[in-house]
Amino acid sequence: MWQIKYLLPGAALLSFSIVLANDQQPLLFNASYKLYSSGIEIAVSQRTMSNSHDNKYVYRNVSHTTGIASLFYKDHIVEESQWKFANDQLYPLDYSYVRTRGKKDREVNIHFDWENNLIINRVNDRTRKMQLESGVLDKLLYQYAIMRDLQNGYFPGSYTIADGGKMKTYNFEQLGEETIYTPLGDLHTIKVLRYKPDDSTQNKLIFWCAPGFQYLPVKIEQTEEDGQIITAVIESLSWL
């Protein structure tokens, strides 16, 4: 999720992904974004996809406040999804989210035990266990799944996400096509809305995914519960 809560909310605002190459292996990349609120730069974010071994990968996002926002508060967020790719399926292994912000520090760790069909969710000092369901994703990996599905000509309707010690359904709606301006040029994009059917707040997330960049989001817009809008725009991209 991009999450920019507090930085802006939690781990998601800038959560996007890469797609599979012809050999069905994920493309590796390094992308940077700038985040804005009311036209003012408030943070930067660096997103990377790297490989480990035995078809295991690490999807990581690091964000921190900058500009005027950094004069009022220091916010640093590291979100990471360790996962594996097997039999054309995505399997989250370990998810972590660490926000450093003084008295409001927060640390989340989720372990996916596929052998015992168990999820162990730790938030600061609290631990909760849940039954592991087939096809479940974590809060960062689901965005990679979206990009992969779009690349394969399929538009996702919903995904099951391990979120906050519960299983939640994230629904998606395609809002059409749009050409947007970015520092990388004018880009043709597919506009995708993520929403939660049981959420009565204004909170929503919109991705502008560029087919020319393997459906990588080049712009993300998050509307907070209080109506504040945070926008992230891609600044640079390199394939590794």
C-alpha atoms as a PDB file:
ATOM      1  CA  MET A   1       0.000   0.000   0.000  1.00  0.00           C
ATOM      2  CA  TRP A   2       1.379   3.151  -0.494  1.00  0.00           C
ATOM      3  CA  GLN A   3       1.044   3.697   2.967  1.00  0.00           C
ATOM      4  CA  ILE A   4       1.787   7.116   3.913  1.00  0.00           C
ATOM      5  CA  LYS A   5      -0.114   7.549   6.971  1.00  0.00           C
ATOM      6  CA  TYR A   6       1.709   9.828   9.330  1.00  0.00           C
ATOM      7  CA  LEU A   7       4.387  10.382   6.758  1.00  0.00           C
ATOM      8  CA  LEU A   8       1.632  10.928   5.109  1.00  0.00           C
ATOM      9  CA  PRO A   9      -0.441   6.762   6.120  1.00  0.00           C
ATOM     10  CA  GLY A  10       1.417   3.617   6.660  1.00  0.00           C
ATOM     11  CA  ALA A  11       3.168   1.553   4.019  1.00  0.00           C
ATOM     12  CA  ALA A  12       1.253   1.913   1.014  1.00  0.00           C
ATOM     13  CA  LEU A  13       0.892   5.063  -0.849  1.00  0.00           C
ATOM     14  CA  LEU A  14       3.826   3.947  -2.746  1.00  0.00           C
ATOM     15  CA  SER A  15       3.244   0.374  -3.171  1.00  0.00           C
ATOM     16  CA  PHE A  16       3.409  -0.711  -6.757  1.00  0.00           C
ATOM     17  CA  SER A  17       5.164  -3.456  -8.566  1.00  0.00           C
ATOM     18  CA  ILE A  18       6.899  -5.080 -11.441  1.00  0.00           C
ATOM     19  CA  VAL A  19       5.757  -7.681 -13.926  1.00  0.00           C
ATOM     20  CA  LEU A  20       6.933 -10.997 -15.187  1.00  0.00           C
ATOM     21  CA  ALA A  21       9.216 -11.286 -18.151  1.00  0.00           C
ATOM     22  CA  ASN A  22       8.676 -13.866 -20.878  1.00  0.00           C
ATOM     23  CA  ASP A  23      10.465 -16.504 -18.800  1.00  0.00           C
ATOM     24  CA  GLN A  24       7.939 -15.863 -16.013  1.00  0.00           C
ATOM     25  CA  GLN A  25      10.587 -14.455 -13.682  1.00  0.00           C
ATOM     26  CA  PRO A  26      10.019 -11.035 -12.062  1.00  0.00           C
ATOM     27  CA  LEU A  27      11.811  -8.054 -13.513  1.00  0.00           C
ATOM     28  CA  LEU A  28      14.134  -6.326 -11.074  1.00  0.00           C
ATOM     29  CA  PHE A  29      14.018  -2.543 -10.795  1.00  0.00           C
ATOM     30  CA  ASN A  30      14.874   0.563  -8.817  1.00  0.00           C
ATOM     31  CA  ALA A  31      12.408   3.462  -8.884  1.00  0.00           C
ATOM     32  CA  SER A  32      12.264   6.771  -7.038  1.00  0.00           C
ATOM     33  CA  TYR A  33       9.229   8.974  -6.352  1.00  0.00           C
ATOM     34  CA  LYS A  34       8.449  12.365  -4.886  1.00  0.00           C
ATOM     35  CA  LEU A  35       5.365  12.802  -2.704  1.00  0.00           C
ATOM     36  CA  TYR A  36       3.246  15.951  -2.626  1.00  0.00           C
ATOM     37  CA  SER A  37       0.385  17.405  -0.598  1.00  0.00           C
ATOM     38  CA  SER A  38      -1.412  20.517  -1.889  1.00  0.00           C
ATOM     39  CA  GLY A  39       1.380  20.913  -4.439  1.00  0.00           C
ATOM     40  CA  ILE A  40       4.130  20.964  -1.784  1.00  0.00           C
ATOM     41  CA  GLU A  41       6.812  18.266  -1.698  1.00  0.00           C
ATOM     42  CA  ILE A  42       6.629  16.425   1.624  1.00  0.00           C
ATOM     43  CA  ALA A  43       8.568  13.161   1.141  1.00  0.00           C
ATOM     44  CA  VAL A  44      10.650  10.973  -1.148  1.00  0.00           C
ATOM     45  CA  SER A  45      10.418   7.225  -1.655  1.00  0.00           C
ATOM     46  CA  GLN A  46      12.736   4.599  -3.113  1.00  0.00           C
ATOM     47  CA  ARG A  47      11.290   1.306  -4.324  1.00  0.00           C
ATOM     48  CA  THR A  48      13.321  -1.751  -5.303  1.00  0.00           C
ATOM     49  CA  MET A  49      12.716  -5.327  -6.379  1.00  0.00           C
ATOM     50  CA  SER A  50      15.676  -7.666  -5.909  1.00  0.00           C
ATOM     51  CA  ASN A  51      16.189 -11.418  -5.992  1.00  0.00           C
ATOM     52  CA  SER A  52      17.528 -13.620  -3.219  1.00  0.00           C
ATOM     53  CA  HIS A  53      17.823 -17.304  -4.152  1.00  0.00           C
ATOM     54  CA  ASP A  54      15.673 -20.316  -5.021  1.00  0.00           C
ATOM     55  CA  ASN A  55      13.003 -18.138  -6.684  1.00  0.00           C
ATOM     56  CA  LYS A  56      12.812 -15.875  -3.630  1.00  0.00           C
ATOM     57  CA  TYR A  57      12.553 -12.091  -3.941  1.00  0.00           C
ATOM     58  CA  VAL A  58      12.579  -8.953  -1.816  1.00  0.00           C
ATOM     59  CA  TYR A  59      10.247  -6.052  -2.565  1.00  0.00           C
ATOM     60  CA  ARG A  60      11.250  -2.995  -0.509  1.00  0.00           C
ATOM     61  CA  ASN A  61      10.143   0.599  -0.090  1.00  0.00           C
ATOM     62  CA  VAL A  62      11.917   3.271   1.959  1.00  0.00           C
ATOM     63  CA  SER A  63      10.264   6.672   2.517  1.00  0.00           C
ATOM     64  CA  HIS A  64      11.123   9.731   4.572  1.00  0.00           C
ATOM     65  CA  THR A  65       9.888  13.286   4.953  1.00  0.00           C
ATOM     66  CA  THR A  66      11.674  16.071   3.150  1.00  0.00           C
ATOM     67  CA  GLY A  67      11.345  19.769   2.446  1.00  0.00           C
ATOM     68  CA  ILE A  68       9.064  21.856   4.657  1.00  0.00           C
ATOM     69  CA  ALA A  69       7.432  18.756   6.176  1.00  0.00           C
ATOM     70  CA  SER A  70      10.764  17.627   7.634  1.00  0.00           C
ATOM     71  CA  LEU A  71      11.002  20.877   9.592  1.00  0.00           C
ATOM     72  CA  PHE A  72       7.911  19.928  11.618  1.00  0.00           C
ATOM     73  CA  TYR A  73       8.372  16.177  12.034  1.00  0.00           C
ATOM     74  CA  LYS A  74      10.773  13.422  11.037  1.00  0.00           C
ATOM     75  CA  ASP A  75       9.089  10.366   9.602  1.00  0.00           C
ATOM     76  CA  HIS A  76      10.943   7.323   8.236  1.00  0.00           C
ATOM     77  CA  ILE A  77       9.164   4.221   6.915  1.00  0.00           C
ATOM     78  CA  VAL A  78      10.687   0.950   5.735  1.00  0.00           C
ATOM     79  CA  GLU A  79       8.298  -1.619   4.275  1.00  0.00           C
ATOM     80  CA  GLU A  80       9.450  -4.968   2.936  1.00  0.00           C
ATOM     81  CA  SER A  81       7.911  -8.110   1.490  1.00  0.00           C
ATOM     82  CA  GLN A  82       9.969 -11.291   1.206  1.00  0.00           C
ATOM     83  CA  TRP A  83       8.229 -13.741  -1.086  1.00  0.00           C
ATOM     84  CA  LYS A  84       8.730 -16.670  -3.428  1.00  0.00           C
ATOM     85  CA  PHE A  85       7.474 -17.553  -6.891  1.00  0.00           C
ATOM     86  CA  ALA A  86       6.519 -21.183  -7.500  1.00  0.00           C
ATOM     87  CA  ASN A  87       4.135 -22.936  -9.894  1.00  0.00           C
ATOM     88  CA  ASP A  88       3.070 -19.571 -11.309  1.00  0.00           C
ATOM     89  CA  GLN A  89       1.899 -18.487  -7.845  1.00  0.00           C
ATOM     90  CA  LEU A  90       3.017 -15.761  -5.422  1.00  0.00           C
ATOM     91  CA  TYR A  91       3.707 -16.837  -1.847  1.00  0.00           C
ATOM     92  CA  PRO A  92       4.403 -14.171   0.798  1.00  0.00           C
ATOM     93  CA  LEU A  93       6.951 -15.380   3.353  1.00  0.00           C
ATOM     94  CA  ASP A  94       7.703 -12.444   5.654  1.00  0.00           C
ATOM     95  CA  TYR A  95       6.280  -8.933   5.692  1.00  0.00           C
ATOM     96  CA  SER A  96       7.627  -6.074   7.793  1.00  0.00           C
ATOM     97  CA  TYR A  97       6.691  -2.444   8.308  1.00  0.00           C
ATOM     98  CA  VAL A  98       8.759  -0.155  10.528  1.00  0.00           C
ATOM     99  CA  ARG A  99       7.864   3.489  11.103  1.00  0.00           C
ATOM    100  CA  THR A 100      10.198   5.677  13.131  1.00  0.00           C
ATOM    101  CA  ARG A 101       8.522   8.797  14.445  1.00  0.00           C
ATOM    102  CA  GLY A 102       9.446   9.320  18.084  1.00  0.00           C
ATOM    103  CA  LYS A 103       6.581   8.437  20.419  1.00  0.00           C
ATOM    104  CA  LYS A 104       4.514   7.064  17.533  1.00  0.00           C
ATOM    105  CA  ASP A 105       6.995   4.416  16.407  1.00  0.00           C
ATOM    106  CA  ARG A 106       5.347   1.304  14.997  1.00  0.00           C
ATOM    107  CA  GLU A 107       6.685  -2.099  13.999  1.00  0.00           C
ATOM    108  CA  VAL A 108       4.733  -4.849  12.234  1.00  0.00           C
ATOM    109  CA  ASN A 109       6.039  -8.316  11.352  1.00  0.00           C
ATOM    110  CA  ILE A 110       3.970 -11.001   9.627  1.00  0.00           C
ATOM    111  CA  HIS A 111       5.289 -14.515   9.050  1.00  0.00           C
ATOM    112  CA  PHE A 112       3.519 -16.820   6.588  1.00  0.00           C
ATOM    113  CA  ASP A 113       4.020 -20.473   7.569  1.00  0.00           C
ATOM    114  CA  TRP A 114       2.851 -22.388   4.493  1.00  0.00           C
ATOM    115  CA  GLU A 115       3.780 -25.795   5.920  1.00  0.00           C
ATOM    116  CA  ASN A 116       1.442 -25.381   8.887  1.00  0.00           C
ATOM    117  CA  ASN A 117      -1.094 -23.036   7.192  1.00  0.00           C
ATOM    118  CA  LEU A 118      -0.526 -20.389   9.838  1.00  0.00           C
ATOM    119  CA  ILE A 119       0.015 -16.624   9.880  1.00  0.00           C
ATOM    120  CA  ILE A 120       1.841 -15.113  12.857  1.00  0.00           C
ATOM    121  CA  ASN A 121       1.144 -11.383  13.108  1.00  0.00           C
ATOM    122  CA  ARG A 122       3.199  -9.205  15.490  1.00  0.00           C
ATOM    123  CA  VAL A 123       2.432  -5.518  16.040  1.00  0.00           C
ATOM    124  CA  ASN A 124       4.892  -3.920  18.471  1.00  0.00           C
ATOM    125  CA  ASP A 125       4.594  -6.272  21.490  1.00  0.00           C
ATOM    126  CA  ARG A 126       1.291  -7.931  20.527  1.00  0.00           C
ATOM    127  CA  THR A 127       1.072 -11.274  18.716  1.00  0.00           C
ATOM    128  CA  ARG A 128      -1.902 -12.761  16.903  1.00  0.00           C
ATOM    129  CA  LYS A 129      -2.222 -16.011  14.936  1.00  0.00           C
ATOM    130  CA  MET A 130      -4.554 -16.679  12.006  1.00  0.00           C
ATOM    131  CA  GLN A 131      -5.337 -19.538   9.675  1.00  0.00           C
ATOM    132  CA  LEU A 132      -3.466 -19.176   6.386  1.00  0.00           C
ATOM    133  CA  GLU A 133      -5.760 -19.150   3.358  1.00  0.00           C
ATOM    134  CA  SER A 134      -4.730 -20.169  -0.135  1.00  0.00           C
ATOM    135  CA  GLY A 135      -3.983 -17.169  -2.346  1.00  0.00           C
ATOM    136  CA  VAL A 136      -3.548 -14.668   0.484  1.00  0.00           C
ATOM    137  CA  LEU A 137      -1.067 -11.811  -0.087  1.00  0.00           C
ATOM    138  CA  ASP A 138       0.586  -9.208   2.123  1.00  0.00           C
ATOM    139  CA  LYS A 139       0.022  -5.442   2.027  1.00  0.00           C
ATOM    140  CA  LEU A 140       2.916  -4.822  -0.361  1.00  0.00           C
ATOM    141  CA  LEU A 141       2.922  -7.924  -2.540  1.00  0.00           C
ATOM    142  CA  TYR A 142      -0.701  -7.502  -3.659  1.00  0.00           C
ATOM    143  CA  GLN A 143       0.358  -4.556  -5.777  1.00  0.00           C
ATOM    144  CA  TYR A 144       2.871  -6.687  -7.617  1.00  0.00           C
ATOM    145  CA  ALA A 145       0.054  -9.165  -8.245  1.00  0.00           C
ATOM    146  CA  ILE A 146      -2.018  -6.396  -9.827  1.00  0.00           C
ATOM    147  CA  MET A 147       0.780  -5.430 -12.208  1.00  0.00           C
ATOM    148  CA  ARG A 148       1.410  -9.063 -13.104  1.00  0.00           C
ATOM    149  CA  ASP A 149      -2.275  -9.644 -13.847  1.00  0.00           C
ATOM    150  CA  LEU A 150      -2.469  -6.519 -16.017  1.00  0.00           C
ATOM    151  CA  GLN A 151       0.598  -7.656 -17.925  1.00  0.00           C
ATOM    152  CA  ASN A 152      -1.107 -10.991 -18.570  1.00  0.00           C
ATOM    153  CA  GLY A 153      -4.259  -9.306 -19.864  1.00  0.00           C
ATOM    154  CA  TYR A 154      -6.356  -9.859 -16.759  1.00  0.00           C
ATOM    155  CA  PHE A 155      -7.911  -7.146 -14.603  1.00  0.00           C
ATOM    156  CA  PRO A 156      -8.070  -8.133 -10.928  1.00  0.00           C
ATOM    157  CA  GLY A 157     -11.430  -7.825  -9.212  1.00  0.00           C
ATOM    158  CA  SER A 158     -10.220  -8.448  -5.673  1.00  0.00           C
ATOM    159  CA  TYR A 159      -7.448  -9.924  -3.524  1.00  0.00           C
ATOM    160  CA  THR A 160      -7.392 -11.359  -0.020  1.00  0.00           C
ATOM    161  CA  ILE A 161      -4.879  -9.514   2.175  1.00  0.00           C
ATOM    162  CA  ALA A 162      -3.453 -10.246   5.626  1.00  0.00           C
ATOM    163  CA  ASP A 163      -4.019  -6.804   7.133  1.00  0.00           C
ATOM    164  CA  GLY A 164      -4.091  -5.752  10.789  1.00  0.00           C
ATOM    165  CA  GLY A 165      -4.408  -9.267  12.173  1.00  0.00           C
ATOM    166  CA  LYS A 166      -7.409  -9.983   9.926  1.00  0.00           C
ATOM    167  CA  MET A 167      -8.168 -11.256   6.447  1.00  0.00           C
ATOM    168  CA  LYS A 168      -9.487  -8.384   4.360  1.00  0.00           C
ATOM    169  CA  THR A 169     -10.759  -8.094   0.799  1.00  0.00           C
ATOM    170  CA  TYR A 170      -9.366  -5.308  -1.371  1.00  0.00           C
ATOM    171  CA  ASN A 171     -11.520  -4.588  -4.424  1.00  0.00           C
ATOM    172  CA  PHE A 172     -10.405  -2.903  -7.640  1.00  0.00           C
ATOM    173  CA  GLU A 173     -12.096  -0.935 -10.392  1.00  0.00           C
ATOM    174  CA  GLN A 174     -10.663   0.236 -13.699  1.00  0.00           C
ATOM    175  CA  LEU A 175     -11.339   3.951 -14.226  1.00  0.00           C
ATOM    176  CA  GLY A 176     -10.237   4.145 -17.853  1.00  0.00           C
ATOM    177  CA  GLU A 177      -7.101   5.365 -19.614  1.00  0.00           C
ATOM    178  CA  GLU A 178      -5.246   8.646 -19.197  1.00  0.00           C
ATOM    179  CA  THR A 179      -2.080  10.283 -20.490  1.00  0.00           C
ATOM    180  CA  ILE A 180      -0.204  12.033 -17.691  1.00  0.00           C
ATOM    181  CA  TYR A 181       2.927  14.179 -17.522  1.00  0.00           C
ATOM    182  CA  THR A 182       5.866  12.947 -15.450  1.00  0.00           C
ATOM    183  CA  PRO A 183       9.591  13.792 -15.278  1.00  0.00           C
ATOM    184  CA  LEU A 184      10.015  10.722 -17.524  1.00  0.00           C
ATOM    185  CA  GLY A 185       7.745  12.281 -20.165  1.00  0.00           C
ATOM    186  CA  ASP A 186       4.098  12.018 -21.180  1.00  0.00           C
ATOM    187  CA  LEU A 187       2.960   8.491 -20.364  1.00  0.00           C
ATOM    188  CA  HIS A 188      -0.110   6.530 -21.396  1.00  0.00           C
ATOM    189  CA  THR A 189      -1.599   4.872 -18.307  1.00  0.00           C
ATOM    190  CA  ILE A 190      -4.364   2.606 -17.067  1.00  0.00           C
ATOM    191  CA  LYS A 191      -6.131   4.145 -14.064  1.00  0.00           C
ATOM    192  CA  VAL A 192      -6.973   1.695 -11.265  1.00  0.00           C
ATOM    193  CA  LEU A 193      -8.950   2.363  -8.070  1.00  0.00           C
ATOM    194  CA  ARG A 194      -8.454   0.287  -4.918  1.00  0.00           C
ATOM    195  CA  TYR A 195     -11.262   0.362  -2.374  1.00  0.00           C
ATOM    196  CA  LYS A 196     -12.549  -1.619   0.591  1.00  0.00           C
ATOM    197  CA  PRO A 197     -16.293  -2.338   0.364  1.00  0.00           C
ATOM    198  CA  ASP A 198     -16.738  -2.147   4.145  1.00  0.00           C
ATOM    199  CA  ASP A 199     -14.875   1.167   4.513  1.00  0.00           C
ATOM    200  CA  SER A 200     -17.211   4.110   5.183  1.00  0.00           C
ATOM    201  CA  THR A 201     -14.385   6.693   5.180  1.00  0.00           C
ATOM    202  CA  GLN A 202     -13.016   8.698   2.261  1.00  0.00           C
ATOM    203  CA  ASN A 203      -9.850   6.587   2.251  1.00  0.00           C
ATOM    204  CA  LYS A 204      -9.024   5.386  -1.262  1.00  0.00           C
ATOM    205  CA  LEU A 205      -6.020   4.685  -3.451  1.00  0.00           C
ATOM    206  CA  ILE A 206      -5.625   5.277  -7.203  1.00  0.00           C
ATOM    207  CA  PHE A 207      -2.779   3.947  -9.374  1.00  0.00           C
ATOM    208  CA  TRP A 208      -1.787   5.189 -12.832  1.00  0.00           C
ATOM    209  CA  CYS A 209      -0.068   2.120 -14.350  1.00  0.00           C
ATOM    210  CA  ALA A 210       2.038   2.595 -17.494  1.00  0.00           C
ATOM    211  CA  PRO A 211       1.905  -0.261 -20.056  1.00  0.00           C
ATOM    212  CA  GLY A 212       5.150   1.071 -21.545  1.00  0.00           C
ATOM    213  CA  PHE A 213       6.853   0.503 -18.194  1.00  0.00           C
ATOM    214  CA  GLN A 214       5.464  -3.002 -17.655  1.00  0.00           C
ATOM    215  CA  TYR A 215       2.412  -1.532 -15.861  1.00  0.00           C
ATOM    216  CA  LEU A 216       4.565  -0.039 -13.130  1.00  0.00           C
ATOM    217  CA  PRO A 217       2.615   2.732 -11.349  1.00  0.00           C
ATOM    218  CA  VAL A 218       4.028   6.089 -12.370  1.00  0.00           C
ATOM    219  CA  LYS A 219       1.600   8.070 -10.258  1.00  0.00           C
ATOM    220  CA  ILE A 220      -0.268   7.157  -7.074  1.00  0.00           C
ATOM    221  CA  GLU A 221      -2.886   9.204  -5.265  1.00  0.00           C
ATOM    222  CA  GLN A 222      -4.057   8.442  -1.738  1.00  0.00           C
ATOM    223  CA  THR A 223      -7.006  10.149  -0.079  1.00  0.00           C
ATOM    224  CA  GLU A 224      -6.798  10.052   3.705  1.00  0.00           C
ATOM    225  CA  GLU A 225      -9.725   9.587   6.079  1.00  0.00           C
ATOM    226  CA  ASP A 226      -9.691  13.333   6.781  1.00  0.00           C
ATOM    227  CA  GLY A 227      -9.828  14.151   3.047  1.00  0.00           C
ATOM    228  CA  GLN A 228      -6.141  15.040   2.676  1.00  0.00           C
ATOM    229  CA  ILE A 229      -4.726  13.952  -0.695  1.00  0.00           C
ATOM    230  CA  ILE A 230      -1.168  12.647  -1.033  1.00  0.00           C
ATOM    231  CA  THR A 231       0.233  12.262  -4.568  1.00  0.00           C
ATOM    232  CA  ALA A 232       3.374  10.376  -5.571  1.00  0.00           C
ATOM    233  CA  VAL A 233       4.991  10.884  -8.985  1.00  0.00           C
ATOM    234  CA  ILE A 234       7.828   8.828 -10.434  1.00  0.00           C
ATOM    235  CA  GLU A 235      11.166  10.633 -10.820  1.00  0.00           C
ATOM    236  CA  SER A 236      13.501   7.921 -12.114  1.00  0.00           C
ATOM    237  CA  LEU A 237      13.450   4.253 -13.074  1.00  0.00           C
ATOM    238  CA  SER A 238      16.165   1.712 -13.854  1.00  0.00           C
ATOM    239  CA  TRP A 239      15.819  -1.993 -14.614  1.00  0.00           C
ATOM    240  CA  LEU A 240      18.395  -4.140 -12.840  1.00  0.00           C
END
